[in-house]
PDB file of N, CA and C in Angstrom:
ATOM      1  N   MET A   1       6.111  -4.218  10.680  1.00  0.00           N
ATOM      2  CA  MET A   1       5.037  -3.521  10.885  1.00  0.00           C
ATOM      3  C   MET A   1       3.642  -4.417  10.333  1.00  0.00           C
ATOM      4  N   LYS A   2       2.812  -4.497  11.415  1.00  0.00           N
ATOM      5  CA  LYS A   2       1.467  -4.925  11.295  1.00  0.00           C
ATOM      6  C   LYS A   2       0.610  -4.052  10.601  1.00  0.00           C
ATOM      7  N   LEU A   3       0.136  -4.343   9.220  1.00  0.00           N
ATOM      8  CA  LEU A   3      -0.864  -3.216   8.859  1.00  0.00           C
ATOM      9  C   LEU A   3      -2.178  -3.501   9.234  1.00  0.00           C
ATOM     10  N   LEU A   4      -2.549  -4.872   8.956  1.00  0.00           N
ATOM     11  CA  LEU A   4      -4.023  -5.307   9.443  1.00  0.00           C
ATOM     12  C   LEU A   4      -3.897  -6.660  10.420  1.00  0.00           C
ATOM     13  N   LYS A   5      -4.850  -6.246  11.619  1.00  0.00           N
ATOM     14  CA  LYS A   5      -4.565  -7.432  12.347  1.00  0.00           C
ATOM     15  C   LYS A   5      -6.055  -7.699  13.001  1.00  0.00           C
ATOM     16  N   ILE A   6      -6.630  -8.693  13.410  1.00  0.00           N
ATOM     17  CA  ILE A   6      -7.672  -9.289  13.969  1.00  0.00           C
ATOM     18  C   ILE A   6      -7.545  -9.166  15.522  1.00  0.00           C
ATOM     19  N   GLU A   7      -8.437  -8.793  16.278  1.00  0.00           N
ATOM     20  CA  GLU A   7      -8.257  -8.306  17.621  1.00  0.00           C
ATOM     21  C   GLU A   7      -9.710  -8.184  18.391  1.00  0.00           C
ATOM     22  N   ASN A   8      -9.945  -8.692  19.293  1.00  0.00           N
ATOM     23  CA  ASN A   8     -11.260  -8.610  20.000  1.00  0.00           C
ATOM     24  C   ASN A   8     -12.439  -8.656  18.902  1.00  0.00           C
ATOM     25  N   ASN A   9     -12.426  -9.750  18.240  1.00  0.00           N
ATOM     26  CA  ASN A   9     -13.525 -10.540  17.097  1.00  0.00           C
ATOM     27  C   ASN A   9     -13.702  -9.187  16.092  1.00  0.00           C
ATOM     28  N   SER A  10     -12.687  -8.309  15.685  1.00  0.00           N
ATOM     29  CA  SER A  10     -12.881  -7.087  15.060  1.00  0.00           C
ATOM     30  C   SER A  10     -11.628  -7.287  13.804  1.00  0.00           C
ATOM     31  N   GLY A  11     -11.952  -6.924  12.696  1.00  0.00           N
ATOM     32  CA  GLY A  11     -10.576  -6.338  11.893  1.00  0.00           C
ATOM     33  C   GLY A  11     -10.079  -4.802  12.029  1.00  0.00           C
ATOM     34  N   THR A  12      -8.837  -4.664  11.981  1.00  0.00           N
ATOM     35  CA  THR A  12      -8.551  -3.527  12.283  1.00  0.00           C
ATOM     36  C   THR A  12      -7.306  -3.156  11.490  1.00  0.00           C
ATOM     37  N   TYR A  13      -6.891  -1.739  11.277  1.00  0.00           N
ATOM     38  CA  TYR A  13      -5.816  -1.347  10.628  1.00  0.00           C
ATOM     39  C   TYR A  13      -5.107  -0.377  11.260  1.00  0.00           C
ATOM     40  N   ARG A  14      -3.724  -0.111  10.500  1.00  0.00           N
ATOM     41  CA  ARG A  14      -2.930   0.792  11.249  1.00  0.00           C
ATOM     42  C   ARG A  14      -3.129   2.099  10.746  1.00  0.00           C
ATOM     43  N   LYS A  15      -2.860   3.039  11.499  1.00  0.00           N
ATOM     44  CA  LYS A  15      -3.041   4.501  11.063  1.00  0.00           C
ATOM     45  C   LYS A  15      -1.400   4.840  11.347  1.00  0.00           C
ATOM     46  N   GLU A  16      -1.411   5.899  10.509  1.00  0.00           N
ATOM     47  CA  GLU A  16       0.033   6.459  10.422  1.00  0.00           C
ATOM     48  C   GLU A  16       0.515   6.753  11.766  1.00  0.00           C
ATOM     49  N   SER A  17      -0.068   7.030  12.893  1.00  0.00           N
ATOM     50  CA  SER A  17       0.215   7.322  14.147  1.00  0.00           C
ATOM     51  C   SER A  17       0.580   6.115  14.953  1.00  0.00           C
ATOM     52  N   GLY A  18       0.292   4.806  14.219  1.00  0.00           N
ATOM     53  CA  GLY A  18       0.598   3.548  14.859  1.00  0.00           C
ATOM     54  C   GLY A  18      -0.486   2.961  15.624  1.00  0.00           C
ATOM     55  N   GLU A  19      -1.473   3.540  15.786  1.00  0.00           N
ATOM     56  CA  GLU A  19      -2.851   2.892  16.498  1.00  0.00           C
ATOM     57  C   GLU A  19      -3.438   2.276  15.360  1.00  0.00           C
ATOM     58  N   HIS A  20      -4.259   1.240  16.198  1.00  0.00           N
ATOM     59  CA  HIS A  20      -5.011   0.353  15.267  1.00  0.00           C
ATOM     60  C   HIS A  20      -6.423   0.853  15.176  1.00  0.00           C
ATOM     61  N   CYS A  21      -7.101   1.047  14.479  1.00  0.00           N
ATOM     62  CA  CYS A  21      -8.447   1.598  14.349  1.00  0.00           C
ATOM     63  C   CYS A  21      -9.563   0.203  13.544  1.00  0.00           C
ATOM     64  N   PRO A  22     -10.784   0.410  14.110  1.00  0.00           N
ATOM     65  CA  PRO A  22     -11.689  -0.695  13.011  1.00  0.00           C
ATOM     66  C   PRO A  22     -11.364   0.039  12.020  1.00  0.00           C
ATOM     67  N   ILE A  23     -11.746  -1.462  11.117  1.00  0.00           N
ATOM     68  CA  ILE A  23     -11.434  -1.520   9.493  1.00  0.00           C
ATOM     69  C   ILE A  23     -12.458  -0.963   8.921  1.00  0.00           C
ATOM     70  N   ASP A  24     -13.872  -0.775   9.351  1.00  0.00           N
ATOM     71  CA  ASP A  24     -14.970  -0.171   8.746  1.00  0.00           C
ATOM     72  C   ASP A  24     -14.919   1.454   8.888  1.00  0.00           C
ATOM     73  N   LYS A  25     -13.792   1.865   9.584  1.00  0.00           N
ATOM     74  CA  LYS A  25     -13.648   3.373   9.819  1.00  0.00           C
ATOM     75  C   LYS A  25     -12.433   4.230   8.750  1.00  0.00           C
ATOM     76  N   ILE A  26     -11.803   2.966   7.897  1.00  0.00           N
ATOM     77  CA  ILE A  26     -10.669   3.628   7.222  1.00  0.00           C
ATOM     78  C   ILE A  26     -11.315   4.438   6.082  1.00  0.00           C
ATOM     79  N   THR A  27     -10.255   5.478   5.726  1.00  0.00           N
ATOM     80  CA  THR A  27     -10.680   6.289   4.836  1.00  0.00           C
ATOM     81  C   THR A  27      -9.710   6.271   3.368  1.00  0.00           C
ATOM     82  N   LYS A  28      -9.992   6.776   2.308  1.00  0.00           N
ATOM     83  CA  LYS A  28      -9.138   6.772   1.024  1.00  0.00           C
ATOM     84  C   LYS A  28      -7.866   7.049   1.486  1.00  0.00           C
ATOM     85  N   GLU A  29      -7.550   8.356   2.100  1.00  0.00           N
ATOM     86  CA  GLU A  29      -6.038   8.303   2.197  1.00  0.00           C
ATOM     87  C   GLU A  29      -5.557   7.476   3.424  1.00  0.00           C
ATOM     88  N   GLU A  30      -6.044   6.754   4.130  1.00  0.00           N
ATOM     89  CA  GLU A  30      -5.742   5.853   4.960  1.00  0.00           C
ATOM     90  C   GLU A  30      -5.251   4.464   4.398  1.00  0.00           C
ATOM     91  N   LEU A  31      -6.230   4.355   3.557  1.00  0.00           N
ATOM     92  CA  LEU A  31      -6.006   3.066   2.699  1.00  0.00           C
ATOM     93  C   LEU A  31      -4.912   3.353   1.641  1.00  0.00           C
ATOM     94  N   LEU A  32      -4.591   4.525   1.106  1.00  0.00           N
ATOM     95  CA  LEU A  32      -3.286   4.873   0.354  1.00  0.00           C
ATOM     96  C   LEU A  32      -1.897   4.884   0.922  1.00  0.00           C
ATOM     97  N   VAL A  33      -2.216   5.240   2.209  1.00  0.00           N
ATOM     98  CA  VAL A  33      -0.727   4.892   3.331  1.00  0.00           C
ATOM     99  C   VAL A  33      -0.746   3.169   3.434  1.00  0.00           C
ATOM    100  N   LEU A  34      -1.498   2.459   3.510  1.00  0.00           N
ATOM    101  CA  LEU A  34      -1.186   0.877   3.832  1.00  0.00           C
ATOM    102  C   LEU A  34      -0.710   0.651   2.415  1.00  0.00           C
ATOM    103  N   VAL A  35      -1.408   1.207   1.322  1.00  0.00           N
ATOM    104  CA  VAL A  35      -0.493   0.541  -0.098  1.00  0.00           C
ATOM    105  C   VAL A  35       0.878   1.277  -0.116  1.00  0.00           C
ATOM    106  N   ASN A  36       1.271   2.350   0.365  1.00  0.00           N
ATOM    107  CA  ASN A  36       2.307   3.075   0.019  1.00  0.00           C
ATOM    108  C   ASN A  36       3.435   2.097   1.216  1.00  0.00           C
ATOM    109  N   TRP A  37       2.998   1.894   2.404  1.00  0.00           N
ATOM    110  CA  TRP A  37       3.760   0.878   3.359  1.00  0.00           C
ATOM    111  C   TRP A  37       3.747  -0.397   2.751  1.00  0.00           C
ATOM    112  N   THR A  38       3.021  -0.856   1.990  1.00  0.00           N
ATOM    113  CA  THR A  38       2.942  -2.431   1.636  1.00  0.00           C
ATOM    114  C   THR A  38       4.337  -2.425   0.438  1.00  0.00           C
ATOM    115  N   LEU A  39       4.104  -1.513  -0.564  1.00  0.00           N
ATOM    116  CA  LEU A  39       5.219  -1.166  -1.560  1.00  0.00           C
ATOM    117  C   LEU A  39       6.323  -0.886  -1.129  1.00  0.00           C
ATOM    118  N   ASN A  40       6.399   0.076  -0.039  1.00  0.00           N
ATOM    119  CA  ASN A  40       7.853   0.748   0.464  1.00  0.00           C
ATOM    120  C   ASN A  40       8.774   0.261   1.777  1.00  0.00           C
ATOM    121  N   GLU A  41       7.819  -0.782   2.298  1.00  0.00           N
ATOM    122  CA  GLU A  41       8.253  -1.077   3.738  1.00  0.00           C
ATOM    123  C   GLU A  41       8.950  -2.522   3.417  1.00  0.00           C
ATOM    124  N   ASP A  42      10.271  -2.841   4.021  1.00  0.00           N
ATOM    125  CA  ASP A  42      10.727  -4.018   4.033  1.00  0.00           C
ATOM    126  C   ASP A  42      10.092  -5.210   4.348  1.00  0.00           C
ATOM    127  N   GLU A  43       9.281  -4.923   5.943  1.00  0.00           N
ATOM    128  CA  GLU A  43       8.528  -5.920   6.336  1.00  0.00           C
ATOM    129  C   GLU A  43       7.211  -5.436   6.813  1.00  0.00           C
ATOM    130  N   VAL A  44       6.352  -5.927   6.188  1.00  0.00           N
ATOM    131  CA  VAL A  44       5.101  -5.607   6.646  1.00  0.00           C
ATOM    132  C   VAL A  44       3.907  -7.027   7.026  1.00  0.00           C
ATOM    133  N   GLU A  45       3.369  -6.924   7.828  1.00  0.00           N
ATOM    134  CA  GLU A  45       2.574  -8.342   8.447  1.00  0.00           C
ATOM    135  C   GLU A  45       0.927  -7.705   8.269  1.00  0.00           C
ATOM    136  N   ILE A  46       0.076  -8.882   7.707  1.00  0.00           N
ATOM    137  CA  ILE A  46      -1.339  -8.737   7.724  1.00  0.00           C
ATOM    138  C   ILE A  46      -1.827 -10.113   8.123  1.00  0.00           C
ATOM    139  N   ASP A  47      -2.699 -10.030   9.051  1.00  0.00           N
ATOM    140  CA  ASP A  47      -3.219 -11.167   9.969  1.00  0.00           C
ATOM    141  C   ASP A  47      -3.913 -11.880   8.884  1.00  0.00           C
ATOM    142  N   GLU A  48      -3.836 -13.023   8.522  1.00  0.00           N
ATOM    143  CA  GLU A  48      -4.670 -13.787   7.933  1.00  0.00           C
ATOM    144  C   GLU A  48      -6.203 -13.786   8.322  1.00  0.00           C
ATOM    145  N   TYR A  49      -6.999 -13.533   6.936  1.00  0.00           N
ATOM    146  CA  TYR A  49      -8.244 -13.663   7.019  1.00  0.00           C
ATOM    147  C   TYR A  49      -8.975 -14.874   7.880  1.00  0.00           C
ATOM    148  N   ASP A  50      -9.882 -14.533   8.911  1.00  0.00           N
ATOM    149  CA  ASP A  50     -10.336 -15.663   9.213  1.00  0.00           C
ATOM    150  C   ASP A  50     -11.796 -15.160   9.601  1.00  0.00           C
ATOM    151  N   GLU A  51     -12.907 -15.900   8.891  1.00  0.00           N
ATOM    152  CA  GLU A  51     -14.234 -15.491   9.118  1.00  0.00           C
ATOM    153  C   GLU A  51     -14.748 -15.737  10.531  1.00  0.00           C
ATOM    154  N   ASP A  52     -14.070 -16.738  11.170  1.00  0.00           N
ATOM    155  CA  ASP A  52     -14.761 -17.051  12.446  1.00  0.00           C
ATOM    156  C   ASP A  52     -13.981 -16.086  13.866  1.00  0.00           C
ATOM    157  N   ALA A  53     -13.015 -15.649  13.177  1.00  0.00           N
ATOM    158  CA  ALA A  53     -12.512 -14.553  14.328  1.00  0.00           C
ATOM    159  C   ALA A  53     -13.170 -13.282  14.231  1.00  0.00           C
ATOM    160  N   ILE A  54     -13.443 -12.854  12.945  1.00  0.00           N
ATOM    161  CA  ILE A  54     -14.194 -11.505  13.106  1.00  0.00           C
ATOM    162  C   ILE A  54     -15.705 -11.626  12.930  1.00  0.00           C
ATOM    163  N   LYS A  55     -16.364 -11.256  14.121  1.00  0.00           N
ATOM    164  CA  LYS A  55     -17.865 -11.405  14.071  1.00  0.00           C
ATOM    165  C   LYS A  55     -18.576 -10.552  13.344  1.00  0.00           C
ATOM    166  N   ASN A  56     -18.255  -9.118  13.170  1.00  0.00           N
ATOM    167  CA  ASN A  56     -18.859  -8.080  12.459  1.00  0.00           C
ATOM    168  C   ASN A  56     -18.811  -8.365  10.925  1.00  0.00           C
ATOM    169  N   HIS A  57     -20.028  -8.677  10.449  1.00  0.00           N
ATOM    170  CA  HIS A  57     -20.513  -9.034   8.951  1.00  0.00           C
ATOM    171  C   HIS A  57     -19.399  -7.740   8.179  1.00  0.00           C
ATOM    172  N   ALA A  58     -19.564  -6.514   8.513  1.00  0.00           N
ATOM    173  CA  ALA A  58     -19.129  -5.619   7.484  1.00  0.00           C
ATOM    174  C   ALA A  58     -17.777  -5.566   7.706  1.00  0.00           C
ATOM    175  N   HIS A  59     -16.749  -5.860   8.824  1.00  0.00           N
ATOM    176  CA  HIS A  59     -15.639  -5.774   9.222  1.00  0.00           C
ATOM    177  C   HIS A  59     -15.219  -7.115   8.357  1.00  0.00           C
ATOM    178  N   GLN A  60     -15.791  -8.312   8.261  1.00  0.00           N
ATOM    179  CA  GLN A  60     -15.489  -9.634   7.479  1.00  0.00           C
ATOM    180  C   GLN A  60     -15.328  -9.140   5.797  1.00  0.00           C
ATOM    181  N   ILE A  61     -16.142  -8.513   5.289  1.00  0.00           N
ATOM    182  CA  ILE A  61     -16.130  -7.992   3.901  1.00  0.00           C
ATOM    183  C   ILE A  61     -15.071  -7.101   3.714  1.00  0.00           C
ATOM    184  N   ILE A  62     -14.980  -6.061   4.547  1.00  0.00           N
ATOM    185  CA  ILE A  62     -13.937  -5.150   4.317  1.00  0.00           C
ATOM    186  C   ILE A  62     -12.479  -5.353   4.428  1.00  0.00           C
ATOM    187  N   TYR A  63     -12.385  -6.438   5.626  1.00  0.00           N
ATOM    188  CA  TYR A  63     -10.936  -6.909   6.052  1.00  0.00           C
ATOM    189  C   TYR A  63     -10.498  -7.543   4.640  1.00  0.00           C
ATOM    190  N   LYS A  64     -11.478  -8.608   4.408  1.00  0.00           N
ATOM    191  CA  LYS A  64     -11.130  -9.573   3.394  1.00  0.00           C
ATOM    192  C   LYS A  64     -10.645  -8.976   2.166  1.00  0.00           C
ATOM    193  N   SER A  65     -11.460  -7.756   1.865  1.00  0.00           N
ATOM    194  CA  SER A  65     -11.162  -7.294   0.656  1.00  0.00           C
ATOM    195  C   SER A  65      -9.848  -6.549   0.625  1.00  0.00           C
ATOM    196  N   ILE A  66      -9.485  -6.021   1.543  1.00  0.00           N
ATOM    197  CA  ILE A  66      -8.267  -5.004   1.953  1.00  0.00           C
ATOM    198  C   ILE A  66      -7.083  -6.108   2.143  1.00  0.00           C
ATOM    199  N   ALA A  67      -7.300  -7.008   2.618  1.00  0.00           N
ATOM    200  CA  ALA A  67      -6.037  -8.141   2.889  1.00  0.00           C
ATOM    201  C   ALA A  67      -5.948  -8.867   1.819  1.00  0.00           C
ATOM    202  N   ARG A  68      -6.673  -9.109   0.841  1.00  0.00           N
ATOM    203  CA  ARG A  68      -6.367  -9.621  -0.667  1.00  0.00           C
ATOM    204  C   ARG A  68      -5.816  -8.851  -1.077  1.00  0.00           C
ATOM    205  N   LYS A  69      -6.211  -7.865  -1.686  1.00  0.00           N
ATOM    206  CA  LYS A  69      -5.455  -6.687  -2.258  1.00  0.00           C
ATOM    207  C   LYS A  69      -4.287  -6.344  -1.892  1.00  0.00           C
ATOM    208  N   LEU A  70      -4.005  -6.160  -0.625  1.00  0.00           N
ATOM    209  CA  LEU A  70      -2.692  -5.656  -0.117  1.00  0.00           C
ATOM    210  C   LEU A  70      -1.587  -7.134  -0.480  1.00  0.00           C
ATOM    211  N   HIS A  71      -2.062  -8.267   0.132  1.00  0.00           N
ATOM    212  CA  HIS A  71      -1.181  -9.656  -0.414  1.00  0.00           C
ATOM    213  C   HIS A  71      -1.011  -9.682  -1.805  1.00  0.00           C
ATOM    214  N   SER A  72      -1.700  -9.249  -2.903  1.00  0.00           N
ATOM    215  CA  SER A  72      -1.422  -9.202  -4.121  1.00  0.00           C
ATOM    216  C   SER A  72      -0.524  -8.332  -4.556  1.00  0.00           C
ATOM    217  N   LEU A  73      -0.710  -7.212  -4.029  1.00  0.00           N
ATOM    218  CA  LEU A  73       0.342  -5.886  -4.260  1.00  0.00           C
ATOM    219  C   LEU A  73       1.492  -6.341  -3.620  1.00  0.00           C
ATOM    220  N   ARG A  74       1.634  -6.946  -2.404  1.00  0.00           N
ATOM    221  CA  ARG A  74       3.140  -7.148  -2.151  1.00  0.00           C
ATOM    222  C   ARG A  74       3.623  -8.272  -2.796  1.00  0.00           C
ATOM    223  N   GLN A  75       2.845  -9.237  -3.583  1.00  0.00           N
ATOM    224  CA  GLN A  75       3.510 -10.212  -4.442  1.00  0.00           C
ATOM    225  C   GLN A  75       4.239  -9.740  -5.596  1.00  0.00           C
ATOM    226  N   ARG A  76       3.474  -8.286  -5.940  1.00  0.00           N
ATOM    227  CA  ARG A  76       3.791  -7.607  -7.342  1.00  0.00           C
ATOM    228  C   ARG A  76       4.605  -6.492  -6.814  1.00  0.00           C
ATOM    229  N   ARG A  77       5.033  -6.334  -5.668  1.00  0.00           N
ATOM    230  CA  ARG A  77       5.906  -5.206  -5.233  1.00  0.00           C
ATOM    231  C   ARG A  77       7.283  -4.953  -6.090  1.00  0.00           C
ATOM    232  N   GLN A  78       7.760  -5.926  -6.836  1.00  0.00           N
ATOM    233  CA  GLN A  78       8.932  -5.683  -7.251  1.00  0.00           C
ATOM    234  C   GLN A  78       8.670  -5.128  -8.604  1.00  0.00           C
ATOM    235  N   GLU A  79       7.706  -5.734  -9.364  1.00  0.00           N
ATOM    236  CA  GLU A  79       7.016  -5.412 -10.676  1.00  0.00           C
ATOM    237  C   GLU A  79       6.598  -3.866 -10.528  1.00  0.00           C
ATOM    238  N   PHE A  80       6.138  -3.473  -9.562  1.00  0.00           N
ATOM    239  CA  PHE A  80       5.862  -1.935  -9.121  1.00  0.00           C
ATOM    240  C   PHE A  80       6.980  -1.060  -9.032  1.00  0.00           C
ATOM    241  N   ILE A  81       7.829  -1.690  -8.526  1.00  0.00           N
ATOM    242  CA  ILE A  81       9.161  -0.717  -8.272  1.00  0.00           C
ATOM    243  C   ILE A  81       9.770  -0.778  -9.650  1.00  0.00           C
ATOM    244  N   ASP A  82       9.988  -1.618 -10.395  1.00  0.00           N
ATOM    245  CA  ASP A  82      10.580  -1.457 -11.635  1.00  0.00           C
ATOM    246  C   ASP A  82       9.992  -0.868 -12.699  1.00  0.00           C
ATOM    247  N   GLU A  83       8.675  -0.866 -12.618  1.00  0.00           N
ATOM    248  CA  GLU A  83       8.016  -0.042 -13.634  1.00  0.00           C
ATOM    249  C   GLU A  83       8.274   1.450 -13.091  1.00  0.00           C
ATOM    250  N   SER A  84       8.052   1.959 -12.036  1.00  0.00           N
ATOM    251  CA  SER A  84       8.091   3.140 -11.406  1.00  0.00           C
ATOM    252  C   SER A  84       9.713   3.678 -11.994  1.00  0.00           C
ATOM    253  N   ALA A  85      10.693   3.056 -11.787  1.00  0.00           N
ATOM    254  CA  ALA A  85      12.014   3.154 -12.095  1.00  0.00           C
ATOM    255  C   ALA A  85      11.924   3.587 -13.502  1.00  0.00           C
ATOM    256  N   ARG A  86      11.623   2.863 -14.564  1.00  0.00           N
ATOM    257  CA  ARG A  86      11.238   2.827 -15.800  1.00  0.00           C
ATOM    258  C   ARG A  86      10.830   4.095 -16.357  1.00  0.00           C
ATOM    259  N   LEU A  87       9.630   4.530 -15.598  1.00  0.00           N
ATOM    260  CA  LEU A  87       8.889   5.681 -16.159  1.00  0.00           C
ATOM    261  C   LEU A  87       9.793   6.928 -15.647  1.00  0.00           C
ATOM    262  N   TYR A  88      10.420   6.694 -14.340  1.00  0.00           N
ATOM    263  CA  TYR A  88      11.175   7.776 -13.988  1.00  0.00           C
ATOM    264  C   TYR A  88      12.364   8.347 -15.016  1.00  0.00           C
ATOM    265  N   LEU A  89      13.375   6.840 -15.375  1.00  0.00           N
ATOM    266  CA  LEU A  89      14.187   7.024 -16.128  1.00  0.00           C
ATOM    267  C   LEU A  89      13.892   7.583 -17.522  1.00  0.00           C
ATOM    268  N   GLU A  90      12.638   7.523 -18.110  1.00  0.00           N
ATOM    269  CA  GLU A  90      12.192   7.881 -19.312  1.00  0.00           C
ATOM    270  C   GLU A  90      12.327   9.086 -19.309  1.00  0.00           C
ATOM    271  N   ASP A  91      11.630   9.843 -18.139  1.00  0.00           N
ATOM    272  CA  ASP A  91      11.066  11.198 -18.035  1.00  0.00           C
ATOM    273  C   ASP A  91      12.576  11.875 -17.715  1.00  0.00           C
ATOM    274  N   TYR A  92      13.474  11.292 -16.938  1.00  0.00           N
ATOM    275  CA  TYR A  92      14.704  11.889 -16.502  1.00  0.00           C
ATOM    276  C   TYR A  92      15.736  11.903 -18.234  1.00  0.00           C
ATOM    277  N   GLU A  93      15.709  11.262 -19.111  1.00  0.00           N
ATOM    278  CA  GLU A  93      16.097  11.132 -20.132  1.00  0.00           C
ATOM    279  C   GLU A  93      15.811  12.269 -20.899  1.00  0.00           C
ATOM    280  N   LYS A  94      14.343  12.608 -21.028  1.00  0.00           N
ATOM    281  CA  LYS A  94      13.651  13.400 -22.082  1.00  0.00           C
ATOM    282  C   LYS A  94      14.072  14.991 -21.394  1.00  0.00           C
ATOM    283  N   TYR A  95      14.258  14.758 -20.050  1.00  0.00           N
ATOM    284  CA  TYR A  95      14.768  16.091 -19.458  1.00  0.00           C
ATOM    285  C   TYR A  95      16.002  16.331 -19.448  1.00  0.00           C
ATOM    286  N   ARG A  96      16.866  15.284 -19.635  1.00  0.00           N
ATOM    287  CA  ARG A  96      18.238  15.530 -20.014  1.00  0.00           C
ATOM    288  C   ARG A  96      18.635  15.884 -21.396  1.00  0.00           C
ATOM    289  N   GLU A  97      17.999  15.501 -22.181  1.00  0.00           N
ATOM    290  CA  GLU A  97      18.020  15.704 -23.610  1.00  0.00           C
ATOM    291  C   GLU A  97      17.599  17.303 -23.942  1.00  0.00           C
ATOM    292  N   ALA A  98      16.403  17.766 -23.387  1.00  0.00           N
ATOM    293  CA  ALA A  98      15.913  19.200 -23.454  1.00  0.00           C
ATOM    294  C   ALA A  98      16.985  19.909 -22.733  1.00  0.00           C
ATOM    295  N   THR A  99      17.362  19.635 -21.591  1.00  0.00           N
ATOM    296  CA  THR A  99      18.430  20.625 -21.039  1.00  0.00           C
ATOM    297  C   THR A  99      19.577  20.748 -21.574  1.00  0.00           C
ATOM    298  N   ALA A 100      19.954  19.668 -22.140  1.00  0.00           N
ATOM    299  CA  ALA A 100      21.229  19.584 -23.275  1.00  0.00           C
ATOM    300  C   ALA A 100      21.099  20.194 -24.252  1.00  0.00           C
ATOM    301  N   GLY A 101      19.716  20.366 -25.102  1.00  0.00           N
ATOM    302  CA  GLY A 101      19.605  21.318 -26.187  1.00  0.00           C
ATOM    303  C   GLY A 101      19.771  22.796 -25.636  1.00  0.00           C
ATOM    304  N   GLU A 102      19.355  23.042 -24.807  1.00  0.00           N
ATOM    305  CA  GLU A 102      19.225  24.490 -24.381  1.00  0.00           C
ATOM    306  C   GLU A 102      20.309  24.921 -24.001  1.00  0.00           C
ATOM    307  N   GLN A 103      21.314  24.206 -23.593  1.00  0.00           N
ATOM    308  CA  GLN A 103      22.853  24.784 -23.171  1.00  0.00           C
ATOM    309  C   GLN A 103      23.599  24.791 -24.529  1.00  0.00           C
ATOM    310  N   SER A 104      23.400  24.209 -25.152  1.00  0.00           N
ATOM    311  CA  SER A 104      24.041  24.135 -26.585  1.00  0.00           C
ATOM    312  C   SER A 104      23.535  25.399 -27.354  1.00  0.00           C
ATOM    313  N   THR A 105      22.424  25.790 -27.330  1.00  0.00           N
ATOM    314  CA  THR A 105      21.907  27.286 -27.983  1.00  0.00           C
ATOM    315  C   THR A 105      22.342  28.355 -27.162  1.00  0.00           C
ATOM    316  N   ALA A 106      22.681  28.198 -25.992  1.00  0.00           N
ATOM    317  CA  ALA A 106      23.295  29.264 -25.077  1.00  0.00           C
ATOM    318  C   ALA A 106      24.434  29.848 -25.444  1.00  0.00           C
TER     319      ALA A 106
END
C-alpha cells in the first residue's frame, strides 16, 4: 500500500478511500490513519523525498516532514507493538486480579 507518492510534480497522500490527494490538504485525522497503517500494515510504501520532483515549496516541506516521520515510525514499528502489548498485559493482569478478588468474596 503506497501511503505517500510523488506524481505530477506534487506530493500526495493516500486517503482511507484509496485515492491520493495533495499533501497540503492533509488533516490530523488523515495523518493518524497514515500512522495506523504504518504501524499495522505488513507492507507500506513511501516514495523517497525528491526536492526536484516536487515543485510546490509547501508540498516539499510537508512531504519531507511526514515521509521522514513515517519512515522513523516504520523502523521502530516492533518497538511500538511490543510496548503496546506490555501495557495491555499489565492492564489485563490488574483486571484479572480484581475480578478474581470479587469472585472469592461472592
